[in-house]
Amino acid sequence: RAVLDDLGVDRAIVWAYSMGVPIAEAFAKQHPERTEAVVLGGCLVGLSPKDRDNIFTPAAPLLENVGLARYVDETMPFLSERMRDLFLSRNDPVAAAASSRAYAIPYAIEDAPLPEATLNYAGTREPWYEIAVAVAEANDVAFEGVPDADHGQTFRAVEIVIPMVQSFLASV
């Protein structure tokens, strides 16, 4: 909100991917008057603090006690060797553990609905893709799949995602 204030922007489209999604959701729910639309990628939308706790918090002690490589091998066996190497080279286990714990912390107006103009998207090769579709539907959120893409590929699929988001925004 402070950035919008500083720039003199009244309303904005909030767009987040993966671990940034809970922050974007919190902003949209706490400041609906400042939120034009929300675009959320590579995630499950509308998770409760208990949901986030069940998904993210168990990772913290694993990251701290067994190390990043073992954590990745045990919890993300679907990663390609290249993605595994990138993940290991770009993440700090202590910071990842702290981030995992923080996701379960409830935020103000947690139970407010997401704005009507919300789009969720994920790659069809995400291991939890079918769950993402169902969760988006349960939260009455528009959903799009990025064909034949995993988490990292979806993030980089700008040639697919940008037109998809533009089409969505044109419809709201």
Protein backbone atom coordinates (compact mmCIF):
# COMPACT_ATOMS: atom_id res chain seq x y z
CA ARG A 1 0.00 0.00 0.00
CA ALA A 2 2.86 2.35 0.79
CA VAL A 3 4.29 1.85 -2.71
CA LEU A 4 0.92 2.66 -4.28
CA ASP A 5 0.63 5.74 -2.05
CA ASP A 6 4.13 6.89 -2.94
CA LEU A 7 3.42 6.49 -6.66
CA GLY A 8 0.01 8.14 -6.41
CA VAL A 9 -1.76 5.01 -7.67
CA ASP A 10 -5.31 4.57 -6.39
CA ARG A 11 -5.96 1.00 -7.61
CA ALA A 12 -3.69 -1.70 -8.97
CA ILE A 13 -3.69 -5.16 -10.44
CA VAL A 14 -1.92 -7.37 -7.91
CA TRP A 15 0.03 -10.24 -9.49
CA ALA A 16 1.98 -12.85 -7.57
CA TYR A 17 3.52 -16.22 -8.25
CA SER A 18 4.14 -19.22 -5.99
CA MET A 19 5.25 -18.21 -2.51
CA GLY A 20 4.19 -14.59 -3.11
CA VAL A 21 0.54 -15.58 -3.43
CA PRO A 22 -0.43 -15.44 0.28
CA ILE A 23 0.96 -11.89 0.44
CA ALA A 24 -1.02 -10.82 -2.63
CA GLU A 25 -4.17 -12.45 -1.25
CA ALA A 26 -3.71 -10.67 2.08
CA PHE A 27 -3.29 -7.32 0.33
CA ALA A 28 -6.37 -7.86 -1.85
CA LYS A 29 -8.53 -8.88 1.11
CA GLN A 30 -7.29 -6.09 3.38
CA HIS A 31 -7.40 -3.38 0.72
CA PRO A 32 -10.18 -4.21 -1.76
CA GLU A 33 -10.62 -0.51 -2.50
CA ARG A 34 -7.01 -0.46 -3.81
CA THR A 35 -7.26 -3.72 -5.77
CA GLU A 36 -8.48 -3.65 -9.37
CA ALA A 37 -7.88 -7.36 -9.99
CA VAL A 38 -5.73 -10.21 -8.71
CA VAL A 39 -3.63 -12.66 -10.73
CA LEU A 40 -2.22 -15.61 -8.80
CA GLY A 41 0.03 -18.18 -10.42
CA GLY A 42 1.63 -21.45 -9.40
CA CYS A 43 -0.38 -21.87 -6.22
CA LEU A 44 -3.50 -22.95 -4.41
CA VAL A 45 -5.75 -19.96 -3.79
CA GLY A 46 -7.75 -19.03 -0.72
CA LEU A 47 -6.00 -21.31 1.76
CA SER A 48 -6.88 -20.88 5.42
CA PRO A 49 -4.16 -20.46 8.05
CA LYS A 50 -4.74 -24.12 9.00
CA ASP A 51 -4.33 -25.19 5.35
CA ARG A 52 -1.12 -23.18 5.03
CA ASP A 53 0.10 -24.58 8.34
CA ASN A 54 -0.52 -28.15 7.16
CA ILE A 55 1.24 -27.54 3.84
CA PHE A 56 4.17 -25.29 4.72
CA THR A 57 5.06 -25.57 8.42
CA PRO A 58 6.22 -29.24 8.35
CA ALA A 59 8.94 -28.17 5.94
CA ALA A 60 10.68 -25.94 8.49
CA PRO A 61 12.20 -28.60 10.79
CA LEU A 62 13.10 -30.73 7.78
CA LEU A 63 14.96 -27.84 6.18
CA GLU A 64 16.75 -27.05 9.44
CA ASN A 65 17.59 -30.64 10.41
CA VAL A 66 18.19 -32.65 7.26
CA GLY A 67 19.45 -29.95 4.91
CA LEU A 68 18.18 -28.57 1.68
CA ALA A 69 19.35 -31.38 -0.63
CA ARG A 70 17.64 -34.12 1.37
CA TYR A 71 14.53 -31.99 1.81
CA VAL A 72 14.30 -31.45 -1.95
CA ASP A 73 14.92 -35.13 -2.69
CA GLU A 74 12.26 -36.27 -0.21
CA THR A 75 9.56 -33.70 -0.88
CA MET A 76 10.04 -32.82 -4.55
CA PRO A 77 11.10 -36.02 -6.32
CA PHE A 78 9.34 -34.75 -9.45
CA LEU A 79 11.97 -32.04 -10.06
CA SER A 80 14.22 -32.54 -13.04
CA GLU A 81 17.94 -32.73 -12.26
CA ARG A 82 18.39 -29.23 -13.71
CA MET A 83 15.57 -27.78 -11.59
CA ARG A 84 16.89 -29.58 -8.50
CA ASP A 85 20.35 -28.07 -9.04
CA LEU A 86 18.88 -24.60 -9.57
CA PHE A 87 16.71 -24.93 -6.47
CA LEU A 88 19.69 -26.01 -4.35
CA SER A 89 21.98 -23.28 -5.65
CA ARG A 90 19.44 -20.47 -5.15
CA ASN A 91 17.89 -21.23 -1.76
CA ASP A 92 19.06 -20.96 1.82
CA PRO A 93 17.61 -23.63 4.15
CA VAL A 94 17.36 -21.34 7.19
CA ALA A 95 15.55 -18.64 5.20
CA ALA A 96 13.30 -21.27 3.58
CA ALA A 97 12.45 -22.66 7.03
CA ALA A 98 11.57 -19.20 8.35
CA SER A 99 9.45 -18.53 5.27
CA SER A 100 7.63 -21.85 5.69
CA ARG A 101 6.73 -21.01 9.28
CA ALA A 102 5.55 -17.51 8.35
CA TYR A 103 2.98 -18.77 5.84
CA ALA A 104 0.77 -20.15 8.60
CA ILE A 105 0.48 -16.84 10.43
CA PRO A 106 -3.09 -15.54 10.06
CA TYR A 107 -3.51 -12.08 8.58
CA ALA A 108 -6.25 -9.51 9.11
CA ILE A 109 -9.56 -10.19 7.37
CA GLU A 110 -8.47 -13.74 6.59
CA ASP A 111 -12.03 -14.89 5.93
CA ALA A 112 -12.86 -12.16 3.41
CA PRO A 113 -13.48 -13.44 -0.12
CA LEU A 114 -11.00 -12.84 -2.89
CA PRO A 115 -12.07 -10.10 -5.30
CA GLU A 116 -14.45 -11.19 -8.04
CA ALA A 117 -11.77 -10.26 -10.59
CA THR A 118 -9.29 -12.98 -9.57
CA LEU A 119 -7.45 -15.30 -11.95
CA ASN A 120 -5.49 -18.33 -10.79
CA TYR A 121 -3.22 -20.28 -13.14
CA ALA A 122 -0.88 -23.24 -12.87
CA GLY A 123 1.03 -25.60 -15.10
CA THR A 124 -0.73 -28.83 -16.03
CA ARG A 125 2.36 -30.77 -14.95
CA GLU A 126 2.26 -29.48 -11.38
CA PRO A 127 1.85 -32.52 -9.10
CA TRP A 128 -1.07 -30.75 -7.43
CA TYR A 129 -2.68 -29.39 -10.61
CA GLU A 130 -6.06 -31.13 -10.14
CA ILE A 131 -6.21 -29.84 -6.57
CA ALA A 132 -5.49 -26.30 -7.81
CA VAL A 133 -8.40 -26.52 -10.24
CA ALA A 134 -10.76 -27.74 -7.49
CA VAL A 135 -9.59 -25.15 -4.95
CA ALA A 136 -10.01 -22.33 -7.46
CA GLU A 137 -13.51 -23.55 -8.24
CA ALA A 138 -14.35 -23.81 -4.52
CA ASN A 139 -13.18 -20.21 -4.07
CA ASP A 140 -15.18 -19.04 -7.11
CA VAL A 141 -12.00 -17.93 -8.87
CA ALA A 142 -11.30 -18.11 -12.62
CA PHE A 143 -8.68 -20.74 -13.44
CA GLU A 144 -6.41 -21.37 -16.43
CA GLY A 145 -3.94 -24.17 -17.03
CA VAL A 146 -0.60 -23.68 -18.75
CA PRO A 147 -0.31 -26.75 -20.99
CA ASP A 148 2.49 -29.25 -20.38
CA ALA A 149 4.33 -26.98 -17.92
CA ASP A 150 5.74 -27.60 -14.46
CA HIS A 151 6.21 -24.90 -11.81
CA GLY A 152 9.34 -23.32 -13.25
CA GLN A 153 8.18 -23.62 -16.85
CA THR A 154 4.89 -21.92 -15.98
CA PHE A 155 6.78 -19.01 -14.41
CA ARG A 156 8.81 -18.58 -17.59
CA ALA A 157 5.90 -19.18 -20.04
CA VAL A 158 5.33 -15.49 -20.74
CA GLU A 159 4.24 -16.20 -24.33
CA ILE A 160 1.27 -18.14 -22.90
CA VAL A 161 0.65 -16.39 -19.59
CA ILE A 162 0.71 -12.74 -20.71
CA PRO A 163 -2.02 -13.15 -23.39
CA MET A 164 -4.03 -15.31 -20.98
CA VAL A 165 -3.88 -12.59 -18.30
CA GLN A 166 -4.62 -9.83 -20.83
CA SER A 167 -7.70 -11.73 -22.01
CA PHE A 168 -8.86 -12.21 -18.42
CA LEU A 169 -8.36 -8.55 -17.55
CA ALA A 170 -10.21 -7.45 -20.69
CA SER A 171 -13.19 -9.52 -19.54
CA VAL A 172 -13.48 -7.97 -16.08
